[in-house]
Amino acid sequence: MMILVTGGARSGKSRHAEALIGDAPQVLYIATSQILDDEMAARIQHHKDGRPAHWRTAECWRHLDTLITADLAPDDAILLECITTMVTNLLFALGGETIPNSGITRRWSTPLTMKFRF
């Protein structure tokens, strides 16, 4: 099952998504934010402090295809926080001069299809 949680900035999306996962035995929390200033560092630390200790955290925003397909069982929960931030990071990495191409689609379509069977 895949669930998309949307909402405005600081509207409780993360808290709601974490509650939906509940007491899943295995959770991979993919954090896509980059620490660019003290405020973001504090927000990230606040999120870390609120997560259960057994959740695995991966702090990255690219090459998630390898991360998602490695060492995950079909029933493991994955929380991607936050897809908007991830896409923004990818676009900035392109230098802002290039139109995103099928490279982004290629990176995601196979792993997501394998994992979630659209």
PDB file of N, CA and C in Angstrom:
ATOM      1  N   MET A   1       0.844  -1.167   0.000  1.00  0.00           N
ATOM      2  CA  MET A   1       0.000   0.000   0.000  1.00  0.00           C
ATOM      3  C   MET A   1       0.895   1.237   0.000  1.00  0.00           C
ATOM      4  N   MET A   2       0.493   2.240  -0.753  1.00  0.00           N
ATOM      5  CA  MET A   2       1.199   3.514  -0.758  1.00  0.00           C
ATOM      6  C   MET A   2       0.209   4.602  -0.364  1.00  0.00           C
ATOM      7  N   ILE A   3       0.652   5.480   0.530  1.00  0.00           N
ATOM      8  CA  ILE A   3      -0.188   6.588   0.986  1.00  0.00           C
ATOM      9  C   ILE A   3       0.585   7.876   0.752  1.00  0.00           C
ATOM     10  N   LEU A   4      -0.056   8.852   0.144  1.00  0.00           N
ATOM     11  CA  LEU A   4       0.538  10.167  -0.064  1.00  0.00           C
ATOM     12  C   LEU A   4      -0.114  11.137   0.908  1.00  0.00           C
ATOM     13  N   VAL A   5       0.699  11.761   1.741  1.00  0.00           N
ATOM     14  CA  VAL A   5       0.204  12.745   2.698  1.00  0.00           C
ATOM     15  C   VAL A   5       0.608  14.121   2.179  1.00  0.00           C
ATOM     16  N   THR A   6      -0.382  14.976   1.959  1.00  0.00           N
ATOM     17  CA  THR A   6      -0.096  16.321   1.468  1.00  0.00           C
ATOM     18  C   THR A   6      -0.652  17.356   2.432  1.00  0.00           C
ATOM     19  N   GLY A   7      -0.168  18.566   2.294  1.00  0.00           N
ATOM     20  CA  GLY A   7      -0.656  19.660   3.123  1.00  0.00           C
ATOM     21  C   GLY A   7       0.312  20.818   3.066  1.00  0.00           C
ATOM     22  N   GLY A   8      -0.056  21.894   3.677  1.00  0.00           N
ATOM     23  CA  GLY A   8       0.771  23.093   3.692  1.00  0.00           C
ATOM     24  C   GLY A   8       2.007  22.926   4.551  1.00  0.00           C
ATOM     25  N   ALA A   9       2.900  23.896   4.448  1.00  0.00           N
ATOM     26  CA  ALA A   9       4.117  23.890   5.252  1.00  0.00           C
ATOM     27  C   ALA A   9       3.758  23.891   6.733  1.00  0.00           C
ATOM     28  N   ARG A  10       4.426  23.035   7.476  1.00  0.00           N
ATOM     29  CA  ARG A  10       4.248  22.918   8.932  1.00  0.00           C
ATOM     30  C   ARG A  10       2.792  22.675   9.333  1.00  0.00           C
ATOM     31  N   SER A  11       2.111  21.846   8.545  1.00  0.00           N
ATOM     32  CA  SER A  11       0.701  21.548   8.821  1.00  0.00           C
ATOM     33  C   SER A  11       0.505  20.241   9.575  1.00  0.00           C
ATOM     34  N   GLY A  12       1.595  19.554   9.912  1.00  0.00           N
ATOM     35  CA  GLY A  12       1.479  18.290  10.628  1.00  0.00           C
ATOM     36  C   GLY A  12       1.567  17.067   9.730  1.00  0.00           C
ATOM     37  N   LYS A  13       2.019  17.233   8.489  1.00  0.00           N
ATOM     38  CA  LYS A  13       2.132  16.105   7.556  1.00  0.00           C
ATOM     39  C   LYS A  13       3.040  15.015   8.110  1.00  0.00           C
ATOM     40  N   SER A  14       4.198  15.410   8.604  1.00  0.00           N
ATOM     41  CA  SER A  14       5.157  14.424   9.111  1.00  0.00           C
ATOM     42  C   SER A  14       4.568  13.642  10.272  1.00  0.00           C
ATOM     43  N   ARG A  15       4.002  14.346  11.207  1.00  0.00           N
ATOM     44  CA  ARG A  15       3.408  13.698  12.382  1.00  0.00           C
ATOM     45  C   ARG A  15       2.304  12.729  11.958  1.00  0.00           C
ATOM     46  N   HIS A  16       1.480  13.146  10.999  1.00  0.00           N
ATOM     47  CA  HIS A  16       0.395  12.289  10.521  1.00  0.00           C
ATOM     48  C   HIS A  16       0.952  11.049   9.811  1.00  0.00           C
ATOM     49  N   ALA A  17       1.948  11.237   8.954  1.00  0.00           N
ATOM     50  CA  ALA A  17       2.548  10.101   8.245  1.00  0.00           C
ATOM     51  C   ALA A  17       3.191   9.126   9.227  1.00  0.00           C
ATOM     52  N   GLU A  18       3.870   9.651  10.223  1.00  0.00           N
ATOM     53  CA  GLU A  18       4.490   8.795  11.235  1.00  0.00           C
ATOM     54  C   GLU A  18       3.434   8.014  12.005  1.00  0.00           C
ATOM     55  N   ALA A  19       2.301   8.633  12.294  1.00  0.00           N
ATOM     56  CA  ALA A  19       1.212   7.938  12.991  1.00  0.00           C
ATOM     57  C   ALA A  19       0.620   6.839  12.120  1.00  0.00           C
ATOM     58  N   LEU A  20       0.540   7.062  10.812  1.00  0.00           N
ATOM     59  CA  LEU A  20       0.009   6.041   9.911  1.00  0.00           C
ATOM     60  C   LEU A  20       0.883   4.790   9.899  1.00  0.00           C
ATOM     61  N   ILE A  21       2.185   4.977  10.045  1.00  0.00           N
ATOM     62  CA  ILE A  21       3.094   3.831  10.083  1.00  0.00           C
ATOM     63  C   ILE A  21       2.878   3.034  11.358  1.00  0.00           C
ATOM     64  N   GLY A  22       2.505   3.728  12.411  1.00  0.00           N
ATOM     65  CA  GLY A  22       2.191   3.053  13.667  1.00  0.00           C
ATOM     66  C   GLY A  22       3.372   2.313  14.248  1.00  0.00           C
ATOM     67  N   ASP A  23       3.134   1.064  14.578  1.00  0.00           N
ATOM     68  CA  ASP A  23       4.174   0.268  15.222  1.00  0.00           C
ATOM     69  C   ASP A  23       4.788  -0.735  14.255  1.00  0.00           C
ATOM     70  N   ALA A  24       4.968  -0.347  13.014  1.00  0.00           N
ATOM     71  CA  ALA A  24       5.607  -1.229  12.034  1.00  0.00           C
ATOM     72  C   ALA A  24       6.960  -1.680  12.576  1.00  0.00           C
ATOM     73  N   PRO A  25       7.280  -2.962  12.433  1.00  0.00           N
ATOM     74  CA  PRO A  25       8.527  -3.461  13.006  1.00  0.00           C
ATOM     75  C   PRO A  25       9.780  -2.919  12.319  1.00  0.00           C
ATOM     76  N   GLN A  26       9.701  -2.659  11.028  1.00  0.00           N
ATOM     77  CA  GLN A  26      10.846  -2.145  10.277  1.00  0.00           C
ATOM     78  C   GLN A  26      10.425  -0.895   9.520  1.00  0.00           C
ATOM     79  N   VAL A  27      11.105   0.208   9.764  1.00  0.00           N
ATOM     80  CA  VAL A  27      10.785   1.463   9.093  1.00  0.00           C
ATOM     81  C   VAL A  27      12.074   2.079   8.561  1.00  0.00           C
ATOM     82  N   LEU A  28      12.033   2.460   7.291  1.00  0.00           N
ATOM     83  CA  LEU A  28      13.113   3.233   6.699  1.00  0.00           C
ATOM     84  C   LEU A  28      12.590   4.646   6.509  1.00  0.00           C
ATOM     85  N   TYR A  29      13.186   5.580   7.206  1.00  0.00           N
ATOM     86  CA  TYR A  29      12.803   6.994   7.140  1.00  0.00           C
ATOM     87  C   TYR A  29      13.814   7.686   6.242  1.00  0.00           C
ATOM     88  N   ILE A  30      13.366   8.136   5.074  1.00  0.00           N
ATOM     89  CA  ILE A  30      14.255   8.812   4.132  1.00  0.00           C
ATOM     90  C   ILE A  30      14.057  10.313   4.288  1.00  0.00           C
ATOM     91  N   ALA A  31      15.072  10.976   4.823  1.00  0.00           N
ATOM     92  CA  ALA A  31      15.021  12.419   5.062  1.00  0.00           C
ATOM     93  C   ALA A  31      15.753  13.123   3.927  1.00  0.00           C
ATOM     94  N   THR A  32      15.032  13.967   3.185  1.00  0.00           N
ATOM     95  CA  THR A  32      15.601  14.586   1.988  1.00  0.00           C
ATOM     96  C   THR A  32      16.059  16.024   2.194  1.00  0.00           C
ATOM     97  N   SER A  33      15.861  16.574   3.375  1.00  0.00           N
ATOM     98  CA  SER A  33      16.267  17.964   3.623  1.00  0.00           C
ATOM     99  C   SER A  33      17.776  18.073   3.744  1.00  0.00           C
ATOM    100  N   GLN A  34      18.279  19.219   3.374  1.00  0.00           N
ATOM    101  CA  GLN A  34      19.683  19.533   3.567  1.00  0.00           C
ATOM    102  C   GLN A  34      19.785  20.593   4.659  1.00  0.00           C
ATOM    103  N   ILE A  35      20.802  20.470   5.486  1.00  0.00           N
ATOM    104  CA  ILE A  35      21.003  21.462   6.541  1.00  0.00           C
ATOM    105  C   ILE A  35      21.729  22.652   5.923  1.00  0.00           C
ATOM    106  N   LEU A  36      20.980  23.726   5.716  1.00  0.00           N
ATOM    107  CA  LEU A  36      21.542  24.923   5.092  1.00  0.00           C
ATOM    108  C   LEU A  36      21.652  26.100   6.058  1.00  0.00           C
ATOM    109  N   ASP A  37      20.984  25.988   7.222  1.00  0.00           N
ATOM    110  CA  ASP A  37      21.059  27.067   8.209  1.00  0.00           C
ATOM    111  C   ASP A  37      20.673  26.504   9.573  1.00  0.00           C
ATOM    112  N   ASP A  38      20.801  27.330  10.595  1.00  0.00           N
ATOM    113  CA  ASP A  38      20.524  26.886  11.961  1.00  0.00           C
ATOM    114  C   ASP A  38      19.059  26.511  12.162  1.00  0.00           C
ATOM    115  N   GLU A  39      18.158  27.233  11.519  1.00  0.00           N
ATOM    116  CA  GLU A  39      16.735  26.926  11.660  1.00  0.00           C
ATOM    117  C   GLU A  39      16.424  25.536  11.115  1.00  0.00           C
ATOM    118  N   MET A  40      16.983  25.207   9.952  1.00  0.00           N
ATOM    119  CA  MET A  40      16.748  23.884   9.380  1.00  0.00           C
ATOM    120  C   MET A  40      17.390  22.810  10.247  1.00  0.00           C
ATOM    121  N   ALA A  41      18.561  23.083  10.786  1.00  0.00           N
ATOM    122  CA  ALA A  41      19.219  22.121  11.673  1.00  0.00           C
ATOM    123  C   ALA A  41      18.342  21.825  12.882  1.00  0.00           C
ATOM    124  N   ALA A  42      17.732  22.850  13.451  1.00  0.00           N
ATOM    125  CA  ALA A  42      16.846  22.663  14.609  1.00  0.00           C
ATOM    126  C   ALA A  42      15.602  21.868  14.223  1.00  0.00           C
ATOM    127  N   ARG A  43      15.024  22.149  13.064  1.00  0.00           N
ATOM    128  CA  ARG A  43      13.829  21.419  12.612  1.00  0.00           C
ATOM    129  C   ARG A  43      14.147  19.946  12.394  1.00  0.00           C
ATOM    130  N   ILE A  44      15.308  19.673  11.781  1.00  0.00           N
ATOM    131  CA  ILE A  44      15.708  18.287  11.539  1.00  0.00           C
ATOM    132  C   ILE A  44      15.932  17.569  12.862  1.00  0.00           C
ATOM    133  N   GLN A  45      16.606  18.218  13.808  1.00  0.00           N
ATOM    134  CA  GLN A  45      16.839  17.592  15.114  1.00  0.00           C
ATOM    135  C   GLN A  45      15.524  17.306  15.828  1.00  0.00           C
ATOM    136  N   HIS A  46      14.574  18.221  15.731  1.00  0.00           N
ATOM    137  CA  HIS A  46      13.253  18.022  16.336  1.00  0.00           C
ATOM    138  C   HIS A  46      12.584  16.774  15.757  1.00  0.00           C
ATOM    139  N   HIS A  47      12.663  16.607  14.447  1.00  0.00           N
ATOM    140  CA  HIS A  47      12.085  15.417  13.809  1.00  0.00           C
ATOM    141  C   HIS A  47      12.804  14.148  14.274  1.00  0.00           C
ATOM    142  N   LYS A  48      14.134  14.183  14.334  1.00  0.00           N
ATOM    143  CA  LYS A  48      14.903  13.019  14.778  1.00  0.00           C
ATOM    144  C   LYS A  48      14.519  12.619  16.197  1.00  0.00           C
ATOM    145  N   ASP A  49      14.402  13.609  17.071  1.00  0.00           N
ATOM    146  CA  ASP A  49      14.087  13.335  18.475  1.00  0.00           C
ATOM    147  C   ASP A  49      12.718  12.693  18.647  1.00  0.00           C
ATOM    148  N   GLY A  50      11.813  12.924  17.723  1.00  0.00           N
ATOM    149  CA  GLY A  50      10.462  12.390  17.837  1.00  0.00           C
ATOM    150  C   GLY A  50      10.259  11.015  17.233  1.00  0.00           C
ATOM    151  N   ARG A  51      11.284  10.476  16.565  1.00  0.00           N
ATOM    152  CA  ARG A  51      11.153   9.166  15.914  1.00  0.00           C
ATOM    153  C   ARG A  51      11.500   8.032  16.865  1.00  0.00           C
ATOM    154  N   PRO A  52      10.818   6.890  16.707  1.00  0.00           N
ATOM    155  CA  PRO A  52      11.194   5.713  17.495  1.00  0.00           C
ATOM    156  C   PRO A  52      12.642   5.301  17.220  1.00  0.00           C
ATOM    157  N   ALA A  53      13.295   4.776  18.228  1.00  0.00           N
ATOM    158  CA  ALA A  53      14.716   4.437  18.127  1.00  0.00           C
ATOM    159  C   ALA A  53      14.996   3.343  17.098  1.00  0.00           C
ATOM    160  N   HIS A  54      14.028   2.451  16.859  1.00  0.00           N
ATOM    161  CA  HIS A  54      14.288   1.334  15.943  1.00  0.00           C
ATOM    162  C   HIS A  54      14.136   1.710  14.464  1.00  0.00           C
ATOM    163  N   TRP A  55      13.677   2.914  14.178  1.00  0.00           N
ATOM    164  CA  TRP A  55      13.554   3.345  12.780  1.00  0.00           C
ATOM    165  C   TRP A  55      14.939   3.633  12.213  1.00  0.00           C
ATOM    166  N   ARG A  56      15.182   3.129  11.018  1.00  0.00           N
ATOM    167  CA  ARG A  56      16.420   3.445  10.311  1.00  0.00           C
ATOM    168  C   ARG A  56      16.230   4.762   9.577  1.00  0.00           C
ATOM    169  N   THR A  57      17.206   5.640   9.647  1.00  0.00           N
ATOM    170  CA  THR A  57      17.129   6.920   8.950  1.00  0.00           C
ATOM    171  C   THR A  57      18.234   6.993   7.909  1.00  0.00           C
ATOM    172  N   ALA A  58      17.843   7.379   6.705  1.00  0.00           N
ATOM    173  CA  ALA A  58      18.802   7.644   5.633  1.00  0.00           C
ATOM    174  C   ALA A  58      18.619   9.103   5.239  1.00  0.00           C
ATOM    175  N   GLU A  59      19.665   9.875   5.365  1.00  0.00           N
ATOM    176  CA  GLU A  59      19.596  11.292   5.010  1.00  0.00           C
ATOM    177  C   GLU A  59      20.190  11.462   3.618  1.00  0.00           C
ATOM    178  N   CYS A  60      19.309  11.480   2.629  1.00  0.00           N
ATOM    179  CA  CYS A  60      19.749  11.618   1.246  1.00  0.00           C
ATOM    180  C   CYS A  60      18.574  12.053   0.380  1.00  0.00           C
ATOM    181  N   TRP A  61      18.890  12.566  -0.789  1.00  0.00           N
ATOM    182  CA  TRP A  61      17.836  13.034  -1.684  1.00  0.00           C
ATOM    183  C   TRP A  61      18.067  12.599  -3.123  1.00  0.00           C
ATOM    184  N   ARG A  62      19.089  11.821  -3.354  1.00  0.00           N
ATOM    185  CA  ARG A  62      19.326  11.287  -4.692  1.00  0.00           C
ATOM    186  C   ARG A  62      19.766   9.837  -4.581  1.00  0.00           C
ATOM    187  N   HIS A  63      19.685   9.135  -5.688  1.00  0.00           N
ATOM    188  CA  HIS A  63      20.037   7.712  -5.759  1.00  0.00           C
ATOM    189  C   HIS A  63      19.209   6.871  -4.786  1.00  0.00           C
ATOM    190  N   LEU A  64      17.964   7.238  -4.624  1.00  0.00           N
ATOM    191  CA  LEU A  64      17.097   6.506  -3.704  1.00  0.00           C
ATOM    192  C   LEU A  64      16.706   5.145  -4.252  1.00  0.00           C
ATOM    193  N   ASP A  65      16.869   4.937  -5.556  1.00  0.00           N
ATOM    194  CA  ASP A  65      16.531   3.643  -6.128  1.00  0.00           C
ATOM    195  C   ASP A  65      17.346   2.536  -5.468  1.00  0.00           C
ATOM    196  N   THR A  66      18.625   2.771  -5.252  1.00  0.00           N
ATOM    197  CA  THR A  66      19.478   1.788  -4.591  1.00  0.00           C
ATOM    198  C   THR A  66      19.068   1.607  -3.139  1.00  0.00           C
ATOM    199  N   LEU A  67      18.803   2.693  -2.474  1.00  0.00           N
ATOM    200  CA  LEU A  67      18.418   2.662  -1.065  1.00  0.00           C
ATOM    201  C   LEU A  67      17.114   1.903  -0.852  1.00  0.00           C
ATOM    202  N   ILE A  68      16.123   2.183  -1.689  1.00  0.00           N
ATOM    203  CA  ILE A  68      14.800   1.590  -1.514  1.00  0.00           C
ATOM    204  C   ILE A  68      14.801   0.099  -1.806  1.00  0.00           C
ATOM    205  N   THR A  69      15.593  -0.348  -2.766  1.00  0.00           N
ATOM    206  CA  THR A  69      15.574  -1.765  -3.130  1.00  0.00           C
ATOM    207  C   THR A  69      16.527  -2.606  -2.296  1.00  0.00           C
ATOM    208  N   ALA A  70      17.427  -1.990  -1.551  1.00  0.00           N
ATOM    209  CA  ALA A  70      18.410  -2.733  -0.767  1.00  0.00           C
ATOM    210  C   ALA A  70      17.846  -3.124   0.601  1.00  0.00           C
ATOM    211  N   ASP A  71      17.953  -4.386   0.918  1.00  0.00           N
ATOM    212  CA  ASP A  71      17.649  -4.884   2.265  1.00  0.00           C
ATOM    213  C   ASP A  71      16.270  -4.535   2.793  1.00  0.00           C
ATOM    214  N   LEU A  72      15.278  -4.493   1.954  1.00  0.00           N
ATOM    215  CA  LEU A  72      13.924  -4.219   2.421  1.00  0.00           C
ATOM    216  C   LEU A  72      13.025  -5.409   2.129  1.00  0.00           C
ATOM    217  N   ALA A  73      12.261  -5.778   3.114  1.00  0.00           N
ATOM    218  CA  ALA A  73      11.274  -6.838   2.932  1.00  0.00           C
ATOM    219  C   ALA A  73       9.982  -6.213   2.413  1.00  0.00           C
ATOM    220  N   PRO A  74       9.121  -7.014   1.791  1.00  0.00           N
ATOM    221  CA  PRO A  74       7.877  -6.463   1.232  1.00  0.00           C
ATOM    222  C   PRO A  74       6.997  -5.743   2.251  1.00  0.00           C
ATOM    223  N   ASP A  75       7.065  -6.123   3.506  1.00  0.00           N
ATOM    224  CA  ASP A  75       6.199  -5.514   4.513  1.00  0.00           C
ATOM    225  C   ASP A  75       6.847  -4.349   5.258  1.00  0.00           C
ATOM    226  N   ASP A  76       8.074  -4.011   4.921  1.00  0.00           N
ATOM    227  CA  ASP A  76       8.730  -2.882   5.575  1.00  0.00           C
ATOM    228  C   ASP A  76       8.041  -1.580   5.189  1.00  0.00           C
ATOM    229  N   ALA A  77       8.039  -0.646   6.107  1.00  0.00           N
ATOM    230  CA  ALA A  77       7.448   0.670   5.850  1.00  0.00           C
ATOM    231  C   ALA A  77       8.553   1.632   5.429  1.00  0.00           C
ATOM    232  N   ILE A  78       8.227   2.484   4.462  1.00  0.00           N
ATOM    233  CA  ILE A  78       9.149   3.522   4.015  1.00  0.00           C
ATOM    234  C   ILE A  78       8.432   4.854   4.147  1.00  0.00           C
ATOM    235  N   LEU A  79       9.077   5.797   4.804  1.00  0.00           N
ATOM    236  CA  LEU A  79       8.528   7.144   4.888  1.00  0.00           C
ATOM    237  C   LEU A  79       9.504   8.071   4.177  1.00  0.00           C
ATOM    238  N   LEU A  80       9.065   8.660   3.082  1.00  0.00           N
ATOM    239  CA  LEU A  80       9.877   9.611   2.327  1.00  0.00           C
ATOM    240  C   LEU A  80       9.475  11.013   2.755  1.00  0.00           C
ATOM    241  N   GLU A  81      10.397  11.685   3.417  1.00  0.00           N
ATOM    242  CA  GLU A  81      10.134  13.021   3.972  1.00  0.00           C
ATOM    243  C   GLU A  81      11.113  14.003   3.357  1.00  0.00           C
ATOM    244  N   CYS A  82      10.905  14.695   2.456  1.00  0.00           N
ATOM    245  CA  CYS A  82       9.660  15.121   1.853  1.00  0.00           C
ATOM    246  C   CYS A  82       9.874  15.105   0.335  1.00  0.00           C
ATOM    247  N   ILE A  83       8.920  14.648  -0.424  1.00  0.00           N
ATOM    248  CA  ILE A  83       9.097  14.534  -1.874  1.00  0.00           C
ATOM    249  C   ILE A  83       9.270  15.906  -2.528  1.00  0.00           C
ATOM    250  N   THR A  84       8.609  16.923  -2.013  1.00  0.00           N
ATOM    251  CA  THR A  84       8.767  18.270  -2.568  1.00  0.00           C
ATOM    252  C   THR A  84      10.204  18.752  -2.394  1.00  0.00           C
ATOM    253  N   THR A  85      10.772  18.527  -1.225  1.00  0.00           N
ATOM    254  CA  THR A  85      12.157  18.914  -0.971  1.00  0.00           C
ATOM    255  C   THR A  85      13.104  18.121  -1.858  1.00  0.00           C
ATOM    256  N   MET A  86      12.833  16.823  -2.020  1.00  0.00           N
ATOM    257  CA  MET A  86      13.675  15.989  -2.862  1.00  0.00           C
ATOM    258  C   MET A  86      13.690  16.497  -4.305  1.00  0.00           C
ATOM    259  N   VAL A  87      12.511  16.778  -4.857  1.00  0.00           N
ATOM    260  CA  VAL A  87      12.428  17.262  -6.239  1.00  0.00           C
ATOM    261  C   VAL A  87      13.118  18.620  -6.370  1.00  0.00           C
ATOM    262  N   THR A  88      12.935  19.488  -5.388  1.00  0.00           N
ATOM    263  CA  THR A  88      13.611  20.787  -5.406  1.00  0.00           C
ATOM    264  C   THR A  88      15.125  20.604  -5.420  1.00  0.00           C
ATOM    265  N   ASN A  89      15.638  19.713  -4.577  1.00  0.00           N
ATOM    266  CA  ASN A  89      17.078  19.446  -4.548  1.00  0.00           C
ATOM    267  C   ASN A  89      17.567  18.923  -5.897  1.00  0.00           C
ATOM    268  N   LEU A  90      16.797  18.017  -6.503  1.00  0.00           N
ATOM    269  CA  LEU A  90      17.175  17.481  -7.814  1.00  0.00           C
ATOM    270  C   LEU A  90      17.208  18.581  -8.871  1.00  0.00           C
ATOM    271  N   LEU A  91      16.221  19.452  -8.860  1.00  0.00           N
ATOM    272  CA  LEU A  91      16.182  20.537  -9.840  1.00  0.00           C
ATOM    273  C   LEU A  91      17.342  21.510  -9.646  1.00  0.00           C
ATOM    274  N   PHE A  92      17.653  21.847  -8.391  1.00  0.00           N
ATOM    275  CA  PHE A  92      18.788  22.733  -8.144  1.00  0.00           C
ATOM    276  C   PHE A  92      20.103  22.061  -8.539  1.00  0.00           C
ATOM    277  N   ALA A  93      20.189  20.745  -8.361  1.00  0.00           N
ATOM    278  CA  ALA A  93      21.402  20.022  -8.749  1.00  0.00           C
ATOM    279  C   ALA A  93      21.621  20.075 -10.255  1.00  0.00           C
ATOM    280  N   LEU A  94      20.542  20.244 -11.011  1.00  0.00           N
ATOM    281  CA  LEU A  94      20.658  20.370 -12.468  1.00  0.00           C
ATOM    282  C   LEU A  94      21.133  21.761 -12.877  1.00  0.00           C
ATOM    283  N   GLY A  95      21.259  22.655 -11.938  1.00  0.00           N
ATOM    284  CA  GLY A  95      21.758  23.983 -12.221  1.00  0.00           C
ATOM    285  C   GLY A  95      20.694  24.980 -12.617  1.00  0.00           C
ATOM    286  N   GLY A  96      19.453  24.558 -12.631  1.00  0.00           N
ATOM    287  CA  GLY A  96      18.371  25.464 -12.948  1.00  0.00           C
ATOM    288  C   GLY A  96      18.287  25.865 -14.407  1.00  0.00           C
ATOM    289  N   GLU A  97      19.195  25.360 -15.243  1.00  0.00           N
ATOM    290  CA  GLU A  97      19.191  25.731 -16.647  1.00  0.00           C
ATOM    291  C   GLU A  97      18.648  24.623 -17.533  1.00  0.00           C
ATOM    292  N   THR A  98      18.541  23.446 -16.996  1.00  0.00           N
ATOM    293  CA  THR A  98      18.143  22.294 -17.787  1.00  0.00           C
ATOM    294  C   THR A  98      16.722  21.893 -17.445  1.00  0.00           C
ATOM    295  N   ILE A  99      15.974  21.535 -18.434  1.00  0.00           N
ATOM    296  CA  ILE A  99      14.635  20.999 -18.192  1.00  0.00           C
ATOM    297  C   ILE A  99      14.801  19.564 -17.720  1.00  0.00           C
ATOM    298  N   PRO A 100      14.188  19.195 -16.598  1.00  0.00           N
ATOM    299  CA  PRO A 100      14.314  17.816 -16.126  1.00  0.00           C
ATOM    300  C   PRO A 100      13.906  16.850 -17.230  1.00  0.00           C
ATOM    301  N   ASN A 101      14.682  15.812 -17.369  1.00  0.00           N
ATOM    302  CA  ASN A 101      14.416  14.859 -18.438  1.00  0.00           C
ATOM    303  C   ASN A 101      14.007  13.511 -17.887  1.00  0.00           C
ATOM    304  N   SER A 102      14.033  12.535 -18.742  1.00  0.00           N
ATOM    305  CA  SER A 102      13.602  11.202 -18.340  1.00  0.00           C
ATOM    306  C   SER A 102      14.539  10.575 -17.323  1.00  0.00           C
ATOM    307  N   GLY A 103      15.695  11.185 -17.057  1.00  0.00           N
ATOM    308  CA  GLY A 103      16.598  10.637 -16.054  1.00  0.00           C
ATOM    309  C   GLY A 103      15.939  10.542 -14.694  1.00  0.00           C
ATOM    310  N   ILE A 104      15.181  11.550 -14.318  1.00  0.00           N
ATOM    311  CA  ILE A 104      14.472  11.514 -13.038  1.00  0.00           C
ATOM    312  C   ILE A 104      13.415  10.421 -13.070  1.00  0.00           C
ATOM    313  N   THR A 105      12.687  10.326 -14.169  1.00  0.00           N
ATOM    314  CA  THR A 105      11.665   9.284 -14.300  1.00  0.00           C
ATOM    315  C   THR A 105      12.300   7.909 -14.248  1.00  0.00           C
ATOM    316  N   ARG A 106      13.403   7.725 -14.957  1.00  0.00           N
ATOM    317  CA  ARG A 106      14.079   6.424 -14.972  1.00  0.00           C
ATOM    318  C   ARG A 106      14.532   6.031 -13.580  1.00  0.00           C
ATOM    319  N   ARG A 107      15.037   6.971 -12.812  1.00  0.00           N
ATOM    320  CA  ARG A 107      15.542   6.654 -11.480  1.00  0.00           C
ATOM    321  C   ARG A 107      14.449   6.144 -10.555  1.00  0.00           C
ATOM    322  N   TRP A 108      13.209   6.575 -10.771  1.00  0.00           N
ATOM    323  CA  TRP A 108      12.131   6.244  -9.852  1.00  0.00           C
ATOM    324  C   TRP A 108      11.168   5.198 -10.362  1.00  0.00           C
ATOM    325  N   SER A 109      10.928   5.127 -11.652  1.00  0.00           N
ATOM    326  CA  SER A 109       9.847   4.277 -12.141  1.00  0.00           C
ATOM    327  C   SER A 109      10.078   2.810 -11.833  1.00  0.00           C
ATOM    328  N   THR A 110      11.273   2.302 -12.044  1.00  0.00           N
ATOM    329  CA  THR A 110      11.518   0.885 -11.808  1.00  0.00           C
ATOM    330  C   THR A 110      11.411   0.527 -10.333  1.00  0.00           C
ATOM    331  N   PRO A 111      12.132   1.221  -9.421  1.00  0.00           N
ATOM    332  CA  PRO A 111      12.016   0.844  -8.007  1.00  0.00           C
ATOM    333  C   PRO A 111      10.601   0.983  -7.466  1.00  0.00           C
ATOM    334  N   LEU A 112       9.904   2.042  -7.843  1.00  0.00           N
ATOM    335  CA  LEU A 112       8.552   2.218  -7.322  1.00  0.00           C
ATOM    336  C   LEU A 112       7.616   1.160  -7.868  1.00  0.00           C
ATOM    337  N   THR A 113       7.777   0.825  -9.125  1.00  0.00           N
ATOM    338  CA  THR A 113       6.941  -0.219  -9.702  1.00  0.00           C
ATOM    339  C   THR A 113       7.222  -1.539  -9.013  1.00  0.00           C
ATOM    340  N   MET A 114       8.495  -1.824  -8.765  1.00  0.00           N
ATOM    341  CA  MET A 114       8.849  -3.076  -8.099  1.00  0.00           C
ATOM    342  C   MET A 114       8.302  -3.109  -6.678  1.00  0.00           C
ATOM    343  N   LYS A 115       8.421  -2.014  -5.970  1.00  0.00           N
ATOM    344  CA  LYS A 115       8.059  -2.000  -4.553  1.00  0.00           C
ATOM    345  C   LYS A 115       6.553  -1.929  -4.335  1.00  0.00           C
ATOM    346  N   PHE A 116       5.872  -1.140  -5.132  1.00  0.00           N
ATOM    347  CA  PHE A 116       4.471  -0.873  -4.848  1.00  0.00           C
ATOM    348  C   PHE A 116       3.507  -1.469  -5.854  1.00  0.00           C
ATOM    349  N   ARG A 117       4.006  -2.005  -6.948  1.00  0.00           N
ATOM    350  CA  ARG A 117       3.159  -2.661  -7.949  1.00  0.00           C
ATOM    351  C   ARG A 117       1.971  -1.803  -8.347  1.00  0.00           C
ATOM    352  N   PHE A 118       2.246  -0.657  -8.954  1.00  0.00           N
ATOM    353  CA  PHE A 118       1.179   0.248  -9.395  1.00  0.00           C
ATOM    354  C   PHE A 118       0.210  -0.476 -10.285  1.00  0.00           C
TER     355      PHE A 118
END
